[in-house]
Protein backbone atom coordinates (compact mmCIF):
# COMPACT_ATOMS: atom_id res chain seq x y z
CA MET A 1 0.00 0.00 0.00
CA SER A 2 1.38 3.41 -1.01
CA ARG A 3 1.64 6.34 1.39
CA ILE A 4 -1.34 7.99 -0.34
CA GLU A 5 -3.48 4.85 -0.10
CA ALA A 6 -2.53 4.29 3.54
CA THR A 7 -3.31 7.90 4.43
CA PHE A 8 -6.77 7.88 2.88
CA ALA A 9 -7.52 4.46 4.38
CA GLY A 10 -6.68 5.76 7.84
CA LEU A 11 -8.78 8.87 7.32
CA LYS A 12 -11.75 6.82 6.18
CA GLN A 13 -11.49 4.65 9.27
CA ARG A 14 -11.45 7.77 11.49
CA GLN A 15 -14.23 9.43 9.44
CA GLU A 16 -12.05 12.40 8.60
CA THR A 17 -11.62 14.38 5.40
CA ALA A 18 -8.10 14.84 4.07
CA LEU A 19 -6.53 18.27 4.37
CA ILE A 20 -4.19 18.86 1.43
CA PRO A 21 -2.37 22.21 1.64
CA PHE A 22 -0.38 23.57 -1.30
CA VAL A 23 2.87 25.51 -0.99
CA THR A 24 5.28 26.62 -3.69
CA ALA A 25 8.67 24.96 -3.25
CA GLY A 26 11.37 27.56 -2.77
CA ASP A 27 9.08 30.34 -1.53
CA PRO A 28 10.72 32.12 0.20
CA ASP A 29 13.55 29.56 -0.14
CA LEU A 30 14.07 25.79 -0.02
CA ASP A 31 15.26 25.69 3.59
CA VAL A 32 12.12 27.45 4.77
CA THR A 33 10.01 25.14 2.59
CA VAL A 34 11.38 22.15 4.52
CA GLU A 35 10.30 23.79 7.77
CA LEU A 36 6.92 24.63 6.26
CA ILE A 37 6.26 21.02 5.24
CA LEU A 38 7.17 19.76 8.70
CA THR A 39 4.94 22.41 10.27
CA LEU A 40 2.05 21.47 7.97
CA ALA A 41 2.41 17.81 8.95
CA GLU A 42 2.57 18.59 12.67
CA ALA A 43 -0.45 20.92 12.48
CA GLY A 44 -2.74 18.35 10.89
CA ALA A 45 -2.14 18.27 7.13
CA ASP A 46 -2.63 14.80 5.68
CA LEU A 47 -0.93 15.24 2.30
CA VAL A 48 1.07 18.15 0.87
CA GLU A 49 1.04 19.46 -2.68
CA LEU A 50 4.41 20.98 -3.45
CA GLY A 51 4.33 23.46 -6.31
CA VAL A 52 7.15 23.37 -8.84
CA PRO A 53 7.71 27.01 -9.88
CA PHE A 54 7.39 27.83 -13.56
CA SER A 55 7.78 31.08 -15.49
CA ASP A 56 4.34 30.84 -17.13
CA PRO A 57 1.91 29.38 -14.55
CA MET A 58 -1.23 29.83 -16.66
CA ALA A 59 -3.61 27.99 -14.29
CA ASP A 60 -2.63 30.10 -11.29
CA GLY A 61 -3.92 33.42 -10.08
CA PRO A 62 -1.77 36.37 -8.94
CA THR A 63 -0.97 34.96 -5.49
CA ILE A 64 0.59 31.70 -6.67
CA GLN A 65 2.10 33.36 -9.75
CA ALA A 66 3.94 35.72 -7.42
CA ALA A 67 5.10 32.76 -5.31
CA SER A 68 6.56 31.12 -8.43
CA GLU A 69 8.36 34.35 -9.29
CA ARG A 70 9.82 34.63 -5.79
CA SER A 71 10.92 31.00 -5.88
CA LEU A 72 12.57 31.27 -9.28
CA ALA A 73 14.29 34.49 -8.22
CA ALA A 74 15.68 32.61 -5.22
CA GLY A 75 17.25 30.09 -7.62
CA THR A 76 14.89 27.14 -7.15
CA THR A 77 15.35 24.27 -9.61
CA LEU A 78 13.61 20.93 -10.03
CA ALA A 79 16.80 19.19 -8.90
CA GLY A 80 16.79 21.35 -5.78
CA ILE A 81 13.17 20.41 -5.07
CA LEU A 82 13.97 16.70 -5.33
CA GLN A 83 16.82 17.21 -2.85
CA LEU A 84 14.33 19.00 -0.59
CA VAL A 85 12.04 15.95 -0.74
CA THR A 86 14.99 13.72 0.14
CA ASP A 87 15.70 15.89 3.18
CA VAL A 88 12.03 15.96 4.24
CA ARG A 89 11.79 12.17 4.01
CA LYS A 90 14.33 11.89 6.85
CA LYS A 91 11.78 13.52 9.16
CA THR A 92 8.26 12.72 7.93
CA GLN A 93 6.43 10.22 5.75
CA ILE A 94 3.55 12.55 4.84
CA PRO A 95 2.58 11.99 1.18
CA LEU A 96 4.16 14.58 -1.11
CA ILE A 97 2.67 15.47 -4.49
CA LEU A 98 4.65 17.59 -6.93
CA MET A 99 2.26 19.92 -8.75
CA GLY A 100 3.10 22.10 -11.70
CA TYR A 101 3.62 22.23 -15.43
CA TYR A 102 5.16 19.83 -17.90
CA ASN A 103 8.00 22.05 -19.15
CA PRO A 104 10.33 21.60 -16.11
CA VAL A 105 9.81 17.82 -16.19
CA PHE A 106 10.35 17.72 -19.96
CA CYS A 107 13.58 19.71 -19.67
CA TYR A 108 14.77 17.49 -16.81
CA GLY A 109 13.95 14.38 -18.85
CA ALA A 110 10.97 12.14 -18.07
CA ASP A 111 13.03 8.99 -17.47
CA ARG A 112 15.56 10.76 -15.28
CA PHE A 113 12.83 12.60 -13.40
CA ALA A 114 10.89 9.41 -12.65
CA ARG A 115 14.02 7.72 -11.35
CA ASP A 116 15.17 10.65 -9.23
CA ALA A 117 11.70 11.48 -7.91
CA ALA A 118 11.15 7.89 -6.78
CA ALA A 119 14.53 7.82 -5.07
CA ALA A 120 13.75 11.11 -3.30
CA GLY A 121 10.38 9.89 -2.01
CA VAL A 122 7.85 11.68 -4.24
CA ASP A 123 4.45 9.99 -4.09
CA ALA A 124 2.61 11.57 -7.00
CA LEU A 125 2.80 14.09 -9.82
CA LEU A 126 0.10 16.49 -10.98
CA LEU A 127 0.70 18.32 -14.25
CA VAL A 128 -1.99 20.89 -14.88
CA ASP A 129 -1.19 21.51 -18.55
CA LEU A 130 -0.75 17.95 -19.83
CA PRO A 131 -4.00 16.48 -21.22
CA PRO A 132 -4.62 12.81 -20.39
CA GLU A 133 -4.49 12.01 -24.12
CA GLU A 134 -0.85 13.13 -24.21
CA ILE A 135 0.57 11.58 -21.05
CA THR A 136 1.80 8.32 -22.60
CA GLU A 137 5.41 9.47 -22.70
CA ILE A 138 5.45 10.15 -18.97
CA SER A 139 2.80 7.74 -17.67
CA THR A 140 4.84 4.66 -18.51
CA VAL A 141 7.94 5.79 -16.64
CA MET A 142 5.85 7.06 -13.71
CA GLN A 143 4.13 3.69 -13.39
CA GLU A 144 7.49 1.91 -13.43
CA ALA A 145 8.66 4.27 -10.67
CA GLU A 146 5.42 3.68 -8.71
CA ILE A 147 4.58 7.40 -8.75
CA ASP A 148 0.89 8.22 -9.18
CA LEU A 149 -0.25 10.63 -11.88
CA ILE A 150 -3.06 12.72 -10.43
CA THR A 151 -5.92 13.58 -12.79
CA LEU A 152 -7.62 16.99 -12.85
CA LEU A 153 -11.33 17.25 -13.61
CA ALA A 154 -13.45 20.39 -13.85
CA PRO A 155 -17.10 21.48 -14.04
CA THR A 156 -16.63 21.77 -17.81
CA THR A 157 -15.46 18.15 -18.21
CA PRO A 158 -18.09 16.24 -20.27
CA HIS A 159 -19.80 13.40 -18.41
CA GLU A 160 -18.45 10.60 -20.59
CA ARG A 161 -14.92 11.95 -20.45
CA MET A 162 -15.17 12.32 -16.69
CA LYS A 163 -16.34 8.72 -16.40
CA ARG A 164 -13.48 7.47 -18.57
CA LEU A 165 -10.80 9.41 -16.70
CA ALA A 166 -12.19 8.48 -13.29
CA ALA A 167 -11.97 4.79 -14.17
CA THR A 168 -8.20 4.99 -14.63
CA ALA A 169 -7.40 7.49 -11.87
CA GLU A 170 -4.39 7.04 -9.59
CA GLY A 171 -3.79 8.32 -6.05
CA TYR A 172 -6.76 10.66 -5.87
CA LEU A 173 -8.83 12.70 -8.29
CA TYR A 174 -8.49 16.48 -8.11
CA TYR A 175 -11.81 18.16 -8.86
CA VAL A 176 -11.39 21.83 -9.77
CA SER A 177 -14.41 23.50 -8.20
CA MET A 178 -14.75 26.32 -10.72
CA THR A 179 -13.54 27.64 -14.03
CA GLY A 180 -10.75 30.21 -13.98
CA VAL A 181 -7.47 30.41 -12.11
CA THR A 182 -6.50 29.67 -8.51
CA GLY A 183 -7.55 32.17 -5.89
CA ALA A 184 -9.89 33.97 -8.26
CA GLN A 185 -13.16 33.60 -6.37
CA LYS A 186 -14.90 31.99 -3.41
CA ILE A 187 -16.22 28.47 -3.65
CA SER A 188 -19.96 27.67 -3.60
CA PRO A 189 -20.12 24.19 -2.04
CA GLU A 190 -23.74 23.48 -2.97
CA ASP A 191 -23.00 24.24 -6.62
CA ILE A 192 -20.50 21.38 -6.79
CA ARG A 193 -21.89 18.84 -4.31
CA GLY A 194 -23.84 16.90 -6.94
CA ALA A 195 -20.91 16.69 -9.34
CA VAL A 196 -18.52 15.50 -6.64
CA GLU A 197 -20.95 12.91 -5.32
CA GLU A 198 -21.52 11.63 -8.84
CA LEU A 199 -17.79 11.50 -9.45
CA ARG A 200 -17.21 9.49 -6.26
CA GLU A 201 -19.57 6.85 -7.68
CA MET A 202 -17.41 6.55 -10.79
CA THR A 203 -14.11 5.68 -9.11
CA ASP A 204 -12.49 3.74 -6.32
CA VAL A 205 -9.92 6.46 -5.60
CA PRO A 206 -10.66 9.42 -3.29
CA VAL A 207 -11.93 12.71 -4.70
CA ALA A 208 -10.36 15.95 -3.49
CA VAL A 209 -11.71 19.42 -4.25
CA GLY A 210 -9.56 22.47 -4.82
CA PHE A 211 -9.77 26.15 -5.92
CA GLY A 212 -11.65 28.68 -3.82
CA ILE A 213 -11.30 27.05 -0.39
CA THR A 214 -9.89 29.73 1.90
CA THR A 215 -11.43 29.32 5.36
CA ALA A 216 -12.23 26.62 7.91
CA ALA A 217 -15.92 27.10 7.08
CA ASP A 218 -15.21 26.48 3.39
CA ALA A 219 -13.23 23.36 4.26
CA ARG A 220 -15.95 22.01 6.52
CA ALA A 221 -18.65 22.60 3.91
CA VAL A 222 -16.73 20.85 1.14
CA GLY A 223 -15.47 18.13 3.49
CA ALA A 224 -19.08 17.11 4.09
CA PHE A 225 -19.15 15.45 0.65
CA ALA A 226 -15.54 15.23 -0.61
CA ASP A 227 -12.72 12.92 0.47
CA GLY A 228 -10.22 15.77 0.58
CA VAL A 229 -9.93 19.54 0.36
CA VAL A 230 -7.03 21.41 -1.19
CA VAL A 231 -6.07 24.84 0.16
CA GLY A 232 -3.52 26.83 -1.80
CA SER A 233 -3.79 30.59 -2.32
CA ALA A 234 -4.89 31.39 1.25
CA LEU A 235 -1.84 29.58 2.65
CA VAL A 236 0.54 31.03 0.05
CA LYS A 237 -0.72 34.49 1.03
CA ILE A 238 0.32 33.86 4.65
CA ILE A 239 3.77 32.87 3.40
CA GLU A 240 3.97 35.98 1.24
CA GLU A 241 2.99 38.27 4.12
CA ASN A 242 5.40 36.75 6.65
CA GLY A 243 8.33 35.58 4.52
CA GLN A 244 11.25 34.51 6.67
CA SER A 245 10.03 36.23 9.83
CA ALA A 246 9.58 34.43 13.13
CA LYS A 247 5.81 34.82 12.73
CA LEU A 248 5.62 32.57 9.67
CA LEU A 249 5.55 29.07 11.15
CA PRO A 250 3.23 29.90 14.09
CA LYS A 251 0.73 31.55 11.72
CA VAL A 252 0.87 28.61 9.31
CA ARG A 253 0.43 26.16 12.19
CA LYS A 254 -2.62 28.05 13.49
CA PHE A 255 -4.23 28.28 10.04
CA ILE A 256 -3.75 24.58 9.28
CA ALA A 257 -5.00 23.49 12.70
CA GLU A 258 -8.16 25.55 12.20
CA LEU A 259 -8.75 24.01 8.77
CA LYS A 260 -8.19 20.48 10.03
CA HIS A 261 -10.50 21.00 12.98
CA GLY A 262 -13.34 21.60 10.53
CA LEU A 263 -12.60 18.31 8.78
CA THR A 264 -12.63 16.09 11.85
CA VAL A 265 -15.84 14.41 12.93
CA PRO A 266 -16.56 15.21 16.62
CA THR A 267 -16.11 12.17 18.84
CA SER A 268 -18.93 13.09 21.24
C-alpha cells in the first residue's frame, strides 16, 4: 500500500476528510520550505502538494504566480526540489505530491525525473497543462517508478470523459471546483456537491476538491461530501505576508490546525 493509499484508508477509518495544503517549493527559499512542510504535517495536514515554480503558470492566479516568481528568483530548480524531498523524508512520511507544469519535467527528462523522484520519495505528480491524451510518454515511466499521476477534472469536463478518466485514476482525483485560475473567487459548495458525489460513484480512488477554499468554514462545507480539500492561495498568502520572519511558522500552524478542525468528525 502506497503512502497515499494508507493515508486515505486511515482517514476513512477515522471518518475524517483529508486536508491537502499547497505551498510553492522555494518560496521564500528551499530551507524554509522544509520547515513549512514539517509544520504542515505537525499541524494536521494529511498530504502536501508541493508546487514546482514555472515562469508561465497559466492555471494560477496572482498569489501563486507571485510565489513562483519569488521561488525562481531565489534560484529554485527541479533538482533542488527533489533534494528538498529527500531531506524531508528523513523527518516525515507525509505523502508529497509535486504539482506544476510539464515544461520543467520535460527539460529534466521524463526517465531521469521518474528515477530521481522515486529515489527522493515523491508519491505523486500532478501536471496541470498535460492532457490525459498526451501523457503516454510520462505515464509509462511514472508507473514503473510507482509514482501516481493525479488527474484533474473540472465542471466543464463532459460526463463521458469524466467517467473514462475516473476509471483509470491514480492516487486521488483532483476536482477543480470552478472555471478560472487559482484564488480567483470563493467556492460555492452546494453548486458542486452533486458533481462530486456523482464522481465518487465513478471511481475507487478518493476525490479531493480544490480552488476557492480559503477558510475553515469552506473546508468544513466541502469536506461534508468530498474525500479531501485542497487549500492553496490562502496559505501562500500567509507565506507571502510573513516571509522569513519568526511569525511565519506559528501563523501557518494556526491556520492549518483551524482548517483540520473543521474536517474532523466530533467524537462526542
